[in-house]
Amino acid sequence: MNKKALGKGIKEQRKKLGLSQAELAQGICSQALLSHIEAEDYMPAADIFIGIYQKLGISELQANLKNYFPMSQIEKLSQKSEELCRQHQYAELRDFLLLDSTIDAISEEGLQAYYYYLGVSQAQLGQLNEAQENLRLALVDQKKLTIISRLSWMSLGVISAVNHQEKQVEEYIEAAFQDLEKTSYDENLNVLYYLRAVIYKKLEKNKLALMTLEKGIQFISEHNSHYMLANFYYLAALLVENDKSRAYFSKSQLFTELYKEKVFDKI
């Protein structure tokens, strides 16, 4: 994994929250180790990474898109939606999307993005039935499989996993990954592998989840991208912590294999 991407992301989120290095490190690791992580010298071990991410308020389902999709010709409206998404303010996003003034401004070309954002915001708020409805609307009358279509299929897969509907999950995954190798690369496609791993984690299929993360990292690396790698690392760390049998890999073996980096748990 790229240490620069990881260290930069941790530092940016820490400063955003107004935390000093000492405050973030407290109870997790030494300040010196955190300083080295942010300086892009070291990769943290799984338990340290989990502690840092959780203290920064980052959860496994908080995955931002690299590039957001316009919903309207009114630039401020699309900017507002993107801002709320990036800040994970899902209640505010849902309420904003349901305003009459917002609905009236949605362009025909932006309708798919609108239903996708509305469905995701509702899913994050636990309104699963409403979320499914809107995600399905995002898939209506689409003559070609767009990035939003793929993301909508995967979001439906996550909801089905929460409801333990394994047959539907596999159907949604298959739809989302259809002819992926023939699709022009976009960094938002990295999210597909991440959500697939989240799905397997929810179904308690940790080995499949870890295998998916490996494939996703290979996919990302083949396209010279680093987007989402920190999220992949975090999810892998959670999976390893949850798998007390360590049947797949030990911590150090897992992260050496996944990220081709030596990991450090103390300094």
Protein backbone atom coordinates (compact mmCIF):
# COMPACT_ATOMS: atom_id res chain seq x y z
CA MET A 1 0.00 0.00 0.00
CA ASN A 2 1.14 3.52 -0.63
CA LYS A 3 2.32 4.95 2.71
CA LYS A 4 1.97 8.48 1.38
CA ALA A 5 -1.76 8.07 0.71
CA LEU A 6 -2.32 6.56 4.14
CA GLY A 7 -0.27 9.07 6.14
CA LYS A 8 -1.68 12.05 4.29
CA GLY A 9 -5.25 10.88 4.84
CA ILE A 10 -4.78 10.38 8.58
CA LYS A 11 -3.10 13.76 8.97
CA GLU A 12 -5.81 15.59 7.01
CA GLN A 13 -8.64 14.02 9.02
CA ARG A 14 -6.84 14.66 12.33
CA LYS A 15 -6.40 18.35 11.51
CA LYS A 16 -9.97 18.60 10.30
CA LEU A 17 -11.12 17.42 13.74
CA GLY A 18 -8.72 19.78 15.50
CA LEU A 19 -6.77 17.00 17.21
CA SER A 20 -3.09 17.16 18.06
CA GLN A 21 -0.88 14.15 17.39
CA ALA A 22 -0.73 13.49 21.13
CA GLU A 23 -4.54 13.56 21.43
CA LEU A 24 -5.03 11.16 18.52
CA ALA A 25 -2.29 8.80 19.68
CA GLN A 26 -3.48 8.66 23.30
CA GLY A 27 -4.53 5.15 24.23
CA ILE A 28 -3.57 3.78 20.79
CA CYS A 29 0.15 4.14 20.19
CA SER A 30 3.04 6.45 20.93
CA GLN A 31 3.00 9.96 19.47
CA ALA A 32 6.34 9.10 17.85
CA LEU A 33 4.76 6.22 15.93
CA LEU A 34 1.85 8.37 14.80
CA SER A 35 4.33 11.01 13.67
CA HIS A 36 6.17 8.43 11.58
CA ILE A 37 2.89 7.15 10.10
CA GLU A 38 1.87 10.67 9.07
CA ALA A 39 5.37 11.33 7.76
CA GLU A 40 4.88 8.31 5.47
CA ASP A 41 7.70 6.28 7.03
CA TYR A 42 5.77 3.34 8.45
CA MET A 43 2.67 1.20 7.96
CA PRO A 44 0.79 0.64 11.25
CA ALA A 45 -0.25 -2.81 12.41
CA ALA A 46 -3.92 -3.75 12.17
CA ASP A 47 -4.97 -2.97 15.75
CA ILE A 48 -3.29 0.45 15.65
CA PHE A 49 -4.88 1.30 12.33
CA ILE A 50 -8.33 0.34 13.65
CA GLY A 51 -7.83 2.50 16.73
CA ILE A 52 -6.73 5.51 14.69
CA TYR A 53 -9.56 5.23 12.19
CA GLN A 54 -12.22 4.75 14.84
CA LYS A 55 -10.95 7.73 16.82
CA LEU A 56 -11.10 9.78 13.62
CA GLY A 57 -14.76 8.79 13.30
CA ILE A 58 -14.35 6.75 10.14
CA SER A 59 -16.54 3.66 9.70
CA GLU A 60 -16.41 0.85 7.17
CA LEU A 61 -19.44 2.17 5.27
CA GLN A 62 -18.19 5.74 4.98
CA ALA A 63 -16.64 5.53 1.55
CA ASN A 64 -16.64 8.73 -0.47
CA LEU A 65 -16.77 8.70 -4.23
CA LYS A 66 -13.71 10.06 -5.98
CA ASN A 67 -15.82 12.10 -8.38
CA TYR A 68 -19.45 12.99 -7.83
CA PHE A 69 -22.16 12.97 -10.48
CA PRO A 70 -24.07 16.14 -11.41
CA MET A 71 -27.84 16.04 -10.90
CA SER A 72 -28.75 19.44 -12.24
CA GLN A 73 -27.60 22.19 -14.56
CA ILE A 74 -27.65 24.38 -11.47
CA GLU A 75 -24.08 23.97 -10.26
CA LYS A 76 -24.78 25.03 -6.67
CA LEU A 77 -27.29 22.21 -6.25
CA SER A 78 -24.81 19.53 -7.31
CA GLN A 79 -22.10 21.14 -5.16
CA LYS A 80 -24.38 21.09 -2.13
CA SER A 81 -25.13 17.40 -2.60
CA GLU A 82 -21.44 16.59 -2.99
CA GLU A 83 -20.56 18.58 0.12
CA LEU A 84 -23.14 16.75 2.25
CA CYS A 85 -21.98 13.39 0.87
CA ARG A 86 -18.33 14.06 1.64
CA GLN A 87 -19.21 15.13 5.17
CA HIS A 88 -21.43 12.05 5.64
CA GLN A 89 -24.36 14.25 6.64
CA TYR A 90 -26.93 11.78 5.37
CA ALA A 91 -30.00 13.14 7.14
CA GLU A 92 -29.29 16.60 5.76
CA LEU A 93 -28.62 15.13 2.31
CA ARG A 94 -31.88 13.19 2.30
CA ASP A 95 -33.88 16.23 3.43
CA PHE A 96 -32.16 18.42 0.83
CA LEU A 97 -32.91 15.95 -1.96
CA LEU A 98 -36.58 15.77 -0.96
CA LEU A 99 -37.11 19.54 -1.11
CA ASP A 100 -39.52 20.61 -3.86
CA SER A 101 -36.96 23.18 -5.04
CA THR A 102 -34.35 20.46 -5.44
CA ILE A 103 -36.69 18.05 -7.23
CA ASP A 104 -37.80 20.80 -9.64
CA ALA A 105 -34.18 21.49 -10.57
CA ILE A 106 -33.19 17.90 -11.42
CA SER A 107 -32.30 17.51 -15.07
CA GLU A 108 -33.27 14.48 -17.13
CA GLU A 109 -29.60 13.54 -17.40
CA GLY A 110 -29.17 13.89 -13.64
CA LEU A 111 -32.16 11.79 -12.65
CA GLN A 112 -30.16 8.58 -12.21
CA ALA A 113 -27.65 10.33 -9.96
CA TYR A 114 -30.51 11.86 -7.97
CA TYR A 115 -32.12 8.50 -7.19
CA TYR A 116 -28.73 6.99 -6.37
CA TYR A 117 -27.84 9.71 -3.86
CA LEU A 118 -31.30 9.59 -2.31
CA GLY A 119 -31.16 5.81 -2.00
CA VAL A 120 -27.69 5.86 -0.43
CA SER A 121 -28.66 8.56 2.08
CA GLN A 122 -31.72 6.55 3.11
CA ALA A 123 -29.70 3.34 3.40
CA GLN A 124 -27.22 5.07 5.68
CA LEU A 125 -30.12 6.20 7.86
CA GLY A 126 -31.55 2.70 8.11
CA GLN A 127 -34.53 3.39 5.83
CA LEU A 128 -33.85 0.25 3.83
CA ASN A 129 -37.21 -0.15 2.06
CA GLU A 130 -37.17 3.44 0.81
CA ALA A 131 -33.52 3.07 -0.16
CA GLN A 132 -34.24 -0.04 -2.23
CA GLU A 133 -37.06 1.75 -4.02
CA ASN A 134 -34.88 4.67 -5.06
CA LEU A 135 -31.87 2.56 -5.97
CA ARG A 136 -34.11 0.51 -8.25
CA LEU A 137 -35.39 3.74 -9.80
CA ALA A 138 -31.77 4.61 -10.53
CA LEU A 139 -31.65 1.45 -12.64
CA VAL A 140 -34.82 2.09 -14.68
CA ASP A 141 -34.57 2.75 -18.42
CA GLN A 142 -30.80 2.52 -18.55
CA LYS A 143 -29.69 1.25 -21.93
CA LYS A 144 -26.09 0.88 -20.84
CA LEU A 145 -24.37 -0.07 -17.62
CA THR A 146 -23.05 3.21 -16.22
CA ILE A 147 -20.85 3.70 -13.17
CA ILE A 148 -23.93 4.84 -11.25
CA SER A 149 -25.73 1.66 -12.32
CA ARG A 150 -22.88 -0.48 -10.99
CA LEU A 151 -22.80 1.45 -7.71
CA SER A 152 -26.58 1.14 -7.39
CA TRP A 153 -26.42 -2.62 -7.89
CA MET A 154 -23.73 -2.89 -5.22
CA SER A 155 -25.68 -0.69 -2.82
CA LEU A 156 -28.67 -2.99 -3.27
CA GLY A 157 -26.30 -5.85 -2.54
CA VAL A 158 -25.26 -4.29 0.76
CA ILE A 159 -28.91 -3.88 1.78
CA SER A 160 -29.64 -7.50 0.84
CA ALA A 161 -26.64 -8.62 2.89
CA VAL A 162 -28.01 -6.73 5.89
CA ASN A 163 -31.28 -8.65 5.33
CA HIS A 164 -29.36 -11.95 4.86
CA GLN A 165 -30.76 -12.44 1.35
CA GLU A 166 -27.77 -14.28 -0.06
CA LYS A 167 -29.32 -15.28 -3.40
CA GLN A 168 -30.20 -11.68 -4.20
CA VAL A 169 -26.75 -10.54 -3.06
CA GLU A 170 -25.03 -12.72 -5.66
CA GLU A 171 -27.39 -11.50 -8.39
CA TYR A 172 -26.63 -7.88 -7.55
CA ILE A 173 -22.87 -8.48 -7.44
CA GLU A 174 -23.00 -10.23 -10.80
CA ALA A 175 -24.93 -7.31 -12.30
CA ALA A 176 -22.49 -4.74 -10.88
CA PHE A 177 -19.38 -6.54 -12.15
CA GLN A 178 -20.76 -7.47 -15.56
CA ASP A 179 -18.10 -6.85 -18.26
CA LEU A 180 -16.09 -4.73 -15.83
CA GLU A 181 -12.86 -5.59 -17.65
CA LYS A 182 -14.28 -4.01 -20.81
CA THR A 183 -15.25 -0.77 -19.06
CA SER A 184 -13.14 2.38 -19.32
CA TYR A 185 -11.42 2.84 -15.97
CA ASP A 186 -12.76 5.36 -13.49
CA GLU A 187 -11.56 5.60 -9.90
CA ASN A 188 -15.13 5.27 -8.64
CA LEU A 189 -14.96 1.66 -9.84
CA ASN A 190 -12.58 0.96 -6.95
CA VAL A 191 -15.62 1.29 -4.68
CA LEU A 192 -17.18 -1.84 -6.21
CA TYR A 193 -14.53 -4.11 -4.73
CA TYR A 194 -14.77 -2.38 -1.39
CA LEU A 195 -18.55 -2.76 -1.18
CA ARG A 196 -18.28 -6.38 -2.28
CA ALA A 197 -15.91 -7.02 0.62
CA VAL A 198 -18.30 -5.20 2.98
CA ILE A 199 -21.09 -7.49 1.77
CA TYR A 200 -19.08 -10.64 2.48
CA LYS A 201 -18.14 -9.29 5.91
CA LYS A 202 -21.81 -8.75 6.73
CA LEU A 203 -22.52 -12.32 5.62
CA GLU A 204 -19.64 -13.49 7.86
CA LYS A 205 -17.68 -14.76 4.87
CA ASN A 206 -14.39 -13.26 5.99
CA LYS A 207 -12.17 -15.32 3.72
CA LEU A 208 -14.14 -14.20 0.66
CA ALA A 209 -14.01 -10.62 1.93
CA LEU A 210 -10.22 -10.74 2.24
CA MET A 211 -9.86 -12.35 -1.20
CA THR A 212 -12.03 -9.56 -2.63
CA LEU A 213 -9.81 -6.93 -1.01
CA GLU A 214 -6.77 -8.57 -2.59
CA LYS A 215 -8.42 -8.51 -6.02
CA GLY A 216 -9.46 -4.91 -5.47
CA ILE A 217 -5.95 -3.85 -4.55
CA GLN A 218 -4.63 -5.55 -7.67
CA PHE A 219 -7.30 -3.75 -9.73
CA ILE A 220 -6.37 -0.40 -8.18
CA SER A 221 -2.64 -0.97 -8.65
CA GLU A 222 -3.05 -2.00 -12.27
CA HIS A 223 -4.63 1.40 -12.91
CA ASN A 224 -1.97 3.36 -10.99
CA SER A 225 -4.51 4.58 -8.45
CA HIS A 226 -4.39 4.92 -4.67
CA TYR A 227 -8.00 5.93 -4.17
CA MET A 228 -9.75 3.87 -1.45
CA LEU A 229 -6.62 1.98 -0.39
CA ALA A 230 -6.83 3.33 3.15
CA ASN A 231 -10.42 2.07 3.34
CA PHE A 232 -9.29 -1.34 2.05
CA TYR A 233 -6.61 -1.44 4.75
CA TYR A 234 -9.09 -0.51 7.46
CA LEU A 235 -11.61 -3.13 6.40
CA ALA A 236 -8.89 -5.80 6.19
CA ALA A 237 -7.79 -4.86 9.70
CA LEU A 238 -11.35 -5.25 11.00
CA LEU A 239 -11.66 -8.63 9.31
CA VAL A 240 -8.44 -9.89 10.83
CA GLU A 241 -9.44 -8.64 14.28
CA ASN A 242 -12.82 -10.37 13.97
CA ASP A 243 -11.30 -13.66 12.83
CA LYS A 244 -9.80 -14.87 16.09
CA SER A 245 -8.80 -18.16 14.50
CA ARG A 246 -6.48 -16.33 12.07
CA ALA A 247 -7.39 -19.10 9.62
CA TYR A 248 -6.55 -17.00 6.58
CA PHE A 249 -3.36 -15.17 7.59
CA SER A 250 -1.76 -13.83 10.69
CA LYS A 251 -1.87 -10.04 10.99
CA SER A 252 1.66 -9.45 9.78
CA GLN A 253 1.37 -11.98 6.95
CA LEU A 254 -1.93 -10.49 5.81
CA PHE A 255 -0.66 -6.95 5.53
CA THR A 256 2.66 -7.98 4.00
CA GLU A 257 0.73 -9.91 1.34
CA LEU A 258 -1.89 -7.23 0.76
CA TYR A 259 0.26 -4.12 0.72
CA LYS A 260 3.80 -5.34 0.06
CA GLU A 261 4.89 -3.23 3.00
CA LYS A 262 6.43 -4.05 6.36
CA VAL A 263 4.02 -3.10 9.15
CA PHE A 264 5.00 -1.61 12.50
CA ASP A 265 3.13 -1.80 15.81
CA LYS A 266 5.58 0.05 18.04
CA ILE A 267 8.61 2.31 17.94
